[in-house]
């Protein structure tokens, strides 16, 4: 499987959105800073403060560093 290396979905070329995780529920759903609920099954364990790339309500990748100017 190829890992996401940019801010675009490898399957459909749609743009993924970076979001910061505020809370994680036991059912592998992250609550992000904007209140969005995101499925995180593809990532494994995540924690509040992690920044993830989200497409269609699913986290595709965890970002190692915050892209400049994207999130506070």
Protein backbone atom coordinates (compact mmCIF):
# COMPACT_ATOMS: atom_id res chain seq x y z
CA UNK A 1 0.00 0.00 0.00
CA UNK A 2 1.29 3.45 -0.88
CA UNK A 3 1.31 6.01 1.89
CA UNK A 4 -0.11 9.48 1.30
CA UNK A 5 2.80 11.74 0.51
CA UNK A 6 0.95 14.94 -0.30
CA UNK A 7 -2.28 16.68 0.54
CA UNK A 8 -4.26 14.89 -2.18
CA UNK A 9 -6.08 11.55 -2.11
CA UNK A 10 -4.14 8.96 -4.11
CA UNK A 11 -7.32 7.25 -5.25
CA UNK A 12 -9.41 10.08 -6.63
CA UNK A 13 -7.03 13.08 -6.55
CA UNK A 14 -9.43 15.04 -4.34
CA UNK A 15 -7.84 17.24 -1.75
CA UNK A 16 -7.44 15.96 1.80
CA UNK A 17 -7.84 18.42 4.66
CA UNK A 18 -5.40 18.61 7.59
CA UNK A 19 -7.23 18.53 10.93
CA UNK A 20 -6.04 18.51 14.53
CA UNK A 21 -7.42 15.77 16.81
CA UNK A 22 -9.14 17.11 19.94
CA UNK A 23 -10.40 13.81 21.40
CA UNK A 24 -10.47 10.12 20.50
CA UNK A 25 -13.46 7.87 21.23
CA UNK A 26 -13.08 4.12 21.96
CA UNK A 27 -14.75 3.28 18.62
CA UNK A 28 -11.75 4.70 16.66
CA UNK A 29 -13.52 7.97 15.87
CA UNK A 30 -11.57 11.20 16.35
CA UNK A 31 -13.26 14.46 17.24
CA UNK A 32 -11.34 17.26 15.54
CA UNK A 33 -10.99 20.91 16.55
CA UNK A 34 -13.83 21.97 14.24
CA UNK A 35 -16.17 19.34 15.76
CA UNK A 36 -15.90 16.90 12.83
CA UNK A 37 -16.10 13.18 13.57
CA UNK A 38 -13.45 11.27 11.61
CA UNK A 39 -12.94 7.51 11.24
CA UNK A 40 -9.34 6.60 12.11
CA UNK A 41 -9.31 2.83 11.48
CA UNK A 42 -6.59 3.15 8.81
CA UNK A 43 -4.11 4.87 11.13
CA UNK A 44 -3.94 2.79 14.26
CA UNK A 45 -3.59 4.57 17.60
CA UNK A 46 -3.84 8.35 17.53
CA UNK A 47 -3.85 10.92 20.31
CA UNK A 48 -5.21 14.41 20.94
CA UNK A 49 -2.95 16.94 19.29
CA UNK A 50 -2.12 14.73 16.30
CA UNK A 51 -2.64 16.34 12.89
CA UNK A 52 -4.25 14.03 10.34
CA UNK A 53 -5.17 14.29 6.67
CA UNK A 54 -8.91 13.72 6.23
CA UNK A 55 -10.84 12.88 3.07
CA UNK A 56 -14.56 12.01 3.04
CA UNK A 57 -14.69 11.62 6.82
CA UNK A 58 -11.78 9.16 6.93
CA UNK A 59 -8.27 9.85 8.19
CA UNK A 60 -5.81 8.83 5.47
CA UNK A 61 -2.50 9.73 7.06
CA UNK A 62 -0.90 11.24 10.14
CA UNK A 63 1.29 14.28 9.47
CA UNK A 64 4.75 14.23 11.02
CA UNK A 65 4.89 18.00 11.03
CA UNK A 66 2.33 20.76 10.71
CA UNK A 67 2.29 22.29 7.22
CA UNK A 68 3.19 25.98 7.51
CA UNK A 69 0.17 28.26 7.50
CA UNK A 70 -2.39 25.43 7.56
CA UNK A 71 -3.20 25.02 11.25
CA UNK A 72 -2.54 27.29 14.24
